[in-house]
Amino acid sequence: MSTQVLPARENQPTYRGRFAPSPTGPLHFGSLVAALGSWLRARAEGGRWLVRIEDIDPPRERAGASQQILHTLHAFGLVADEAPVYQSARHALYREALQRLIDSGAAFHCTCTRSDLAPSGLHRGSCKRTGGRGAWRLRVPDCQWQFQDAVVGRYQQESSSVGDFVIWRADDLPAYQLAVVVDDDLQGISEVVRGGDLLDSTPRQIFLQQKLQLATPDYLHLPLALDRDGHKLSKSTASLPIDAEDPLPALRAALRFLGQPDPPAHPRIAPLLDAAVAAFDLSAIPQLAAMPPALATG
């Protein structure tokens, strides 16, 4: 079995980061951590910060959630440097990338069902059935992937734990892995800062970037906010939306969660964020998931 050390992106003249929420509901504390962490990193690097609405899964989306998310970000002082991008308007770009993978022989049509792939749920090698409507998968060799994360450090993954993964769904929608790779390249993202729940998706995305001959950004995965039962906060009944009418307590709690020094008390958002940027310490960001701190006032 070969080992593939996945490449880091070459130095870019301008740092470009992004926050890419899915419009499945209002922002909660976990999504605030991801937004604030990516915003702080971009501002500390003197770069630009973008917002991308990942609305390519209509069954999971909630009406009005996109605008609610943008309103909340603005209320928290996290304002993008460019107009938001909506994935729902970019299907032609994703389909073009899919066609390139098909033409190169890297992608194949698959009509296997979940029961066909039981018990592992992974697709390896040949399909178990032919004919009918299906998905498109990427051919994955037997190898070990490795890359360097800015917080987690060296991360490795056996490709056998992933299998030939879906890049275009059977319901004729682009899969997340393909869409995010295309968008990060088109937007010139130099570093992807996001929650640690996506850490194990990163090797697949870098492999897909290589197949499409796209640049590979750097990666920084933030700790996950958990509830008392150890569940990811976004999946928990405790994931109540943050209060856009009173953002300072949640901002302070998010800074503490990210291991950043508590800035001096400010009655306004802008001075607090300015102080947070000036004091930003990448090395203080913890690797492990944890419960969020209690919200303080002020």
Protein backbone atom coordinates (compact mmCIF):
# COMPACT_ATOMS: atom_id res chain seq x y z
CA MET A 1 0.00 0.00 0.00
CA SER A 2 1.40 3.39 -0.98
CA THR A 3 1.46 6.52 1.16
CA GLN A 4 0.38 9.80 -0.41
CA VAL A 5 1.57 12.94 1.36
CA LEU A 6 -1.01 15.42 0.19
CA PRO A 7 0.43 18.77 -0.86
CA ALA A 8 0.12 22.09 0.92
CA ARG A 9 -0.86 25.12 -1.14
CA GLU A 10 1.94 27.39 -2.29
CA ASN A 11 2.24 30.79 -0.63
CA GLN A 12 -0.49 33.14 -1.79
CA PRO A 13 -0.08 36.92 -2.13
CA THR A 14 -3.33 37.49 -0.23
CA TYR A 15 -4.93 35.37 2.45
CA ARG A 16 -8.50 34.37 1.59
CA GLY A 17 -10.66 32.52 4.10
CA ARG A 18 -14.34 31.64 4.21
CA PHE A 19 -17.28 30.57 6.32
CA ALA A 20 -19.65 28.18 4.55
CA PRO A 21 -22.84 27.42 6.50
CA SER A 22 -25.69 25.24 5.32
CA PRO A 23 -29.10 26.97 5.60
CA THR A 24 -30.71 24.26 7.73
CA GLY A 25 -31.62 26.66 10.54
CA PRO A 26 -30.35 29.63 12.55
CA LEU A 27 -26.74 29.89 13.69
CA HIS A 28 -26.00 28.18 17.02
CA PHE A 29 -22.92 28.41 19.23
CA GLY A 30 -20.98 25.78 17.28
CA SER A 31 -21.47 27.60 14.00
CA LEU A 32 -20.52 30.89 15.68
CA VAL A 33 -17.20 29.29 16.72
CA ALA A 34 -16.53 28.31 13.09
CA ALA A 35 -17.51 31.74 11.78
CA LEU A 36 -15.51 33.64 14.40
CA GLY A 37 -12.47 31.37 14.10
CA SER A 38 -12.31 31.74 10.33
CA TRP A 39 -12.92 35.51 10.55
CA LEU A 40 -10.22 36.02 13.20
CA ARG A 41 -7.69 34.01 11.22
CA ALA A 42 -8.37 36.03 8.06
CA ARG A 43 -8.21 39.38 9.86
CA ALA A 44 -5.04 38.44 11.78
CA GLU A 45 -3.43 37.54 8.45
CA GLY A 46 -4.52 40.84 6.88
CA GLY A 47 -6.62 38.93 4.39
CA ARG A 48 -10.16 38.72 3.11
CA TRP A 49 -13.08 36.77 4.57
CA LEU A 50 -15.90 35.38 2.44
CA VAL A 51 -19.27 33.78 3.13
CA ARG A 52 -20.61 30.95 1.01
CA ILE A 53 -24.12 29.57 1.53
CA GLU A 54 -23.97 25.82 0.90
CA ASP A 55 -27.57 25.33 -0.24
CA ILE A 56 -27.28 22.24 -2.45
CA ASP A 57 -29.40 19.92 -0.31
CA PRO A 58 -33.00 21.22 -0.63
CA PRO A 59 -34.63 18.52 1.55
CA ARG A 60 -32.56 19.67 4.55
CA GLU A 61 -32.89 23.43 4.04
CA ARG A 62 -35.24 25.71 5.95
CA ALA A 63 -37.03 28.59 4.25
CA GLY A 64 -35.50 31.94 5.14
CA ALA A 65 -32.47 30.41 6.89
CA SER A 66 -29.93 31.92 4.49
CA GLN A 67 -31.02 35.49 5.17
CA GLN A 68 -31.30 34.78 8.87
CA ILE A 69 -27.71 33.52 8.92
CA LEU A 70 -26.42 36.58 7.08
CA HIS A 71 -28.37 38.88 9.44
CA THR A 72 -26.90 37.15 12.49
CA LEU A 73 -23.34 37.33 11.16
CA HIS A 74 -23.79 41.06 10.52
CA ALA A 75 -25.19 41.56 14.03
CA PHE A 76 -22.06 39.89 15.44
CA GLY A 77 -19.78 42.17 13.40
CA LEU A 78 -18.70 39.38 11.05
CA VAL A 79 -19.19 41.05 7.69
CA ALA A 80 -17.90 39.43 4.50
CA ASP A 81 -15.56 41.33 2.19
CA GLU A 82 -17.41 40.16 -0.91
CA ALA A 83 -21.02 39.36 -1.79
CA PRO A 84 -22.15 35.95 -0.53
CA VAL A 85 -21.99 33.05 -2.98
CA TYR A 86 -24.86 30.55 -3.18
CA GLN A 87 -24.05 27.01 -4.26
CA SER A 88 -27.56 26.56 -5.65
CA ALA A 89 -26.63 28.99 -8.45
CA ARG A 90 -23.49 27.09 -9.44
CA HIS A 91 -24.73 23.66 -10.54
CA ALA A 92 -23.36 24.12 -14.05
CA LEU A 93 -19.86 24.56 -12.61
CA TYR A 94 -20.15 21.39 -10.56
CA ARG A 95 -21.47 19.44 -13.53
CA GLU A 96 -18.55 20.65 -15.64
CA ALA A 97 -16.13 19.34 -12.98
CA LEU A 98 -18.00 16.03 -12.90
CA GLN A 99 -17.70 15.71 -16.66
CA ARG A 100 -13.94 16.27 -16.47
CA LEU A 101 -13.66 13.42 -13.99
CA ILE A 102 -15.82 11.17 -16.16
CA ASP A 103 -13.80 11.98 -19.28
CA SER A 104 -10.53 11.22 -17.48
CA GLY A 105 -11.83 7.88 -16.23
CA ALA A 106 -11.56 8.98 -12.59
CA ALA A 107 -15.34 8.78 -12.03
CA PHE A 108 -17.77 5.95 -12.72
CA HIS A 109 -21.52 5.46 -12.63
CA CYS A 110 -22.82 3.29 -9.79
CA THR A 111 -26.31 1.93 -9.13
CA CYS A 112 -25.41 0.01 -5.97
CA THR A 113 -27.91 0.44 -3.15
CA ARG A 114 -27.14 0.74 0.55
CA SER A 115 -28.13 -2.87 1.04
CA ASP A 116 -25.71 -3.87 -1.70
CA LEU A 117 -22.89 -2.25 0.24
CA ALA A 118 -23.81 -3.68 3.65
CA PRO A 119 -22.36 -4.19 6.21
CA SER A 120 -19.56 -1.61 5.75
CA GLY A 121 -21.47 0.82 3.55
CA LEU A 122 -18.30 1.37 1.51
CA HIS A 123 -17.85 0.84 -2.21
CA ARG A 124 -14.61 -0.85 -3.25
CA GLY A 125 -13.81 -1.93 -6.79
CA SER A 126 -16.58 -3.18 -9.07
CA CYS A 127 -20.29 -2.43 -8.74
CA LYS A 128 -22.66 -5.12 -7.51
CA ARG A 129 -25.37 -4.31 -10.05
CA THR A 130 -25.71 -2.59 -13.42
CA GLY A 131 -28.39 -0.50 -15.05
CA GLY A 132 -30.82 2.02 -13.63
CA ARG A 133 -30.50 5.43 -12.08
CA GLY A 134 -27.48 5.87 -9.85
CA ALA A 135 -24.73 8.06 -8.48
CA TRP A 136 -21.27 8.94 -9.73
CA ARG A 137 -18.32 7.84 -7.62
CA LEU A 138 -14.61 8.66 -7.64
CA ARG A 139 -12.19 5.78 -8.03
CA VAL A 140 -10.02 5.58 -4.91
CA PRO A 141 -6.78 3.55 -4.85
CA ASP A 142 -5.57 1.54 -1.88
CA CYS A 143 -3.27 4.00 -0.13
CA GLN A 144 -2.71 6.12 2.96
CA TRP A 145 -3.35 9.85 2.80
CA GLN A 146 -1.49 12.37 4.96
CA PHE A 147 -1.68 16.15 5.33
CA GLN A 148 -0.67 18.81 7.85
CA ASP A 149 -3.38 20.68 9.73
CA ALA A 150 -2.56 24.02 11.39
CA VAL A 151 -4.14 22.97 14.71
CA VAL A 152 -4.41 19.18 14.67
CA GLY A 153 -0.97 18.61 13.16
CA ARG A 154 -0.18 15.62 10.96
CA TYR A 155 -3.37 13.75 10.04
CA GLN A 156 -3.50 10.47 8.19
CA GLN A 157 -6.28 8.30 6.85
CA GLU A 158 -6.47 4.93 5.14
CA SER A 159 -8.32 5.22 1.85
CA SER A 160 -9.92 1.85 2.61
CA SER A 161 -11.95 3.60 5.33
CA VAL A 162 -13.54 5.80 2.67
CA GLY A 163 -13.88 3.65 -0.44
CA ASP A 164 -15.02 4.96 -3.81
CA PHE A 165 -16.99 7.95 -2.56
CA VAL A 166 -19.97 9.68 -4.16
CA ILE A 167 -19.33 12.93 -6.01
CA TRP A 168 -22.75 13.22 -7.71
CA ARG A 169 -25.86 11.93 -5.99
CA ALA A 170 -28.47 9.60 -7.43
CA ASP A 171 -31.08 12.39 -7.06
CA ASP A 172 -29.02 14.41 -9.59
CA LEU A 173 -27.51 16.81 -7.06
CA PRO A 174 -23.78 17.50 -6.62
CA ALA A 175 -22.28 15.88 -3.53
CA TYR A 176 -20.75 18.09 -0.87
CA GLN A 177 -17.21 16.82 -1.53
CA LEU A 178 -17.28 17.91 -5.17
CA ALA A 179 -19.05 21.24 -4.64
CA VAL A 180 -16.78 22.41 -1.85
CA VAL A 181 -13.63 21.59 -3.84
CA VAL A 182 -14.85 23.47 -6.91
CA ASP A 183 -15.93 26.51 -4.87
CA ASP A 184 -12.77 26.76 -2.76
CA ASP A 185 -10.73 26.84 -5.96
CA LEU A 186 -12.95 29.31 -7.81
CA GLN A 187 -12.97 31.65 -4.81
CA GLY A 188 -9.21 31.38 -4.40
CA ILE A 189 -9.45 30.19 -0.79
CA SER A 190 -5.93 29.97 0.61
CA GLU A 191 -6.86 28.34 3.93
CA VAL A 192 -9.99 26.44 4.94
CA VAL A 193 -10.87 27.11 8.60
CA ARG A 194 -13.81 25.00 9.79
CA GLY A 195 -15.04 22.61 12.47
CA GLY A 196 -13.25 19.42 13.35
CA ASP A 197 -16.24 17.33 12.26
CA LEU A 198 -14.97 17.81 8.70
CA LEU A 199 -11.39 16.75 9.44
CA ASP A 200 -11.89 13.27 8.02
CA SER A 201 -13.38 14.72 4.81
CA THR A 202 -10.23 16.69 4.06
CA PRO A 203 -8.13 13.84 2.59
CA ARG A 204 -10.95 13.06 0.14
CA GLN A 205 -11.18 16.70 -0.85
CA ILE A 206 -7.44 17.03 -1.40
CA PHE A 207 -7.45 13.83 -3.46
CA LEU A 208 -10.33 15.24 -5.51
CA GLN A 209 -8.41 18.50 -5.99
CA GLN A 210 -5.53 16.50 -7.41
CA LYS A 211 -7.81 14.65 -9.81
CA LEU A 212 -9.22 17.98 -11.03
CA GLN A 213 -5.74 19.57 -11.08
CA LEU A 214 -6.83 22.29 -8.68
CA ALA A 215 -4.75 24.13 -6.10
CA THR A 216 -4.85 22.76 -2.55
CA PRO A 217 -5.47 25.27 0.27
CA ASP A 218 -4.08 24.95 3.76
CA TYR A 219 -6.40 23.54 6.43
CA LEU A 220 -7.20 24.49 10.01
CA HIS A 221 -9.83 22.51 11.94
CA LEU A 222 -11.34 24.08 15.02
CA PRO A 223 -12.53 22.20 18.12
CA LEU A 224 -16.16 21.09 18.16
CA ALA A 225 -18.70 22.43 20.64
CA LEU A 226 -20.44 19.52 22.39
CA ASP A 227 -23.48 19.22 24.60
CA ARG A 228 -23.45 17.54 28.02
CA ASP A 229 -23.97 14.13 26.43
CA GLY A 230 -20.98 14.54 24.14
CA HIS A 231 -23.00 15.15 20.98
CA LYS A 232 -22.05 17.75 18.41
CA LEU A 233 -23.99 20.88 19.33
CA SER A 234 -25.55 21.32 15.88
CA LYS A 235 -27.12 17.85 16.19
CA SER A 236 -28.30 18.42 19.74
CA THR A 237 -31.60 19.57 21.14
CA ALA A 238 -29.47 21.97 23.20
CA SER A 239 -28.28 23.82 20.08
CA LEU A 240 -30.45 26.87 20.64
CA PRO A 241 -29.83 29.79 18.29
CA ILE A 242 -27.51 32.52 19.48
CA ASP A 243 -29.06 35.89 20.26
CA ALA A 244 -28.44 38.43 17.50
CA GLU A 245 -29.96 41.12 19.71
CA ASP A 246 -27.33 40.57 22.43
CA PRO A 247 -24.16 39.28 20.70
CA LEU A 248 -21.46 40.26 23.23
CA PRO A 249 -21.93 37.33 25.66
CA ALA A 250 -21.79 34.74 22.89
CA LEU A 251 -18.79 36.44 21.27
CA ARG A 252 -16.86 36.36 24.54
CA ALA A 253 -17.81 32.72 25.11
CA ALA A 254 -16.67 31.79 21.59
CA LEU A 255 -13.32 33.53 22.12
CA ARG A 256 -12.78 31.62 25.36
CA PHE A 257 -13.78 28.37 23.64
CA LEU A 258 -11.09 29.04 21.02
CA GLY A 259 -8.49 29.55 23.75
CA GLN A 260 -8.12 33.26 23.02
CA PRO A 261 -7.44 35.86 25.72
CA ASP A 262 -10.57 37.53 27.03
CA PRO A 263 -10.49 41.07 25.63
CA PRO A 264 -11.17 44.05 27.88
CA ALA A 265 -14.82 44.78 28.52
CA HIS A 266 -16.35 46.75 25.69
CA PRO A 267 -19.95 47.89 25.36
CA ARG A 268 -19.66 47.69 21.56
CA ILE A 269 -18.82 44.86 19.19
CA ALA A 270 -16.24 46.58 16.95
CA PRO A 271 -13.69 47.39 19.71
CA LEU A 272 -14.04 43.88 21.14
CA LEU A 273 -13.35 42.29 17.76
CA ASP A 274 -10.44 44.67 17.10
CA ALA A 275 -8.88 43.63 20.41
CA ALA A 276 -9.48 39.97 19.61
CA VAL A 277 -7.71 40.30 16.26
CA ALA A 278 -4.75 42.07 17.85
CA ALA A 279 -4.42 39.33 20.49
CA PHE A 280 -5.16 36.36 18.21
CA ASP A 281 -2.98 33.37 19.09
CA LEU A 282 -3.14 30.42 16.70
CA SER A 283 -1.14 28.20 19.06
CA ALA A 284 -3.77 28.64 21.81
CA ILE A 285 -6.59 27.01 19.84
CA PRO A 286 -7.31 23.63 21.48
CA GLN A 287 -7.44 20.43 19.46
CA LEU A 288 -10.12 18.67 21.43
CA ALA A 289 -13.88 19.09 21.38
CA ALA A 290 -15.48 20.42 24.55
CA MET A 291 -18.60 21.90 26.08
CA PRO A 292 -18.92 25.63 25.45
CA PRO A 293 -18.33 27.91 28.42
CA ALA A 294 -21.24 29.57 30.15
CA LEU A 295 -22.26 32.83 28.55
CA ALA A 296 -21.07 35.80 30.60
CA THR A 297 -22.64 39.19 30.42
CA GLY A 298 -21.04 42.27 28.98
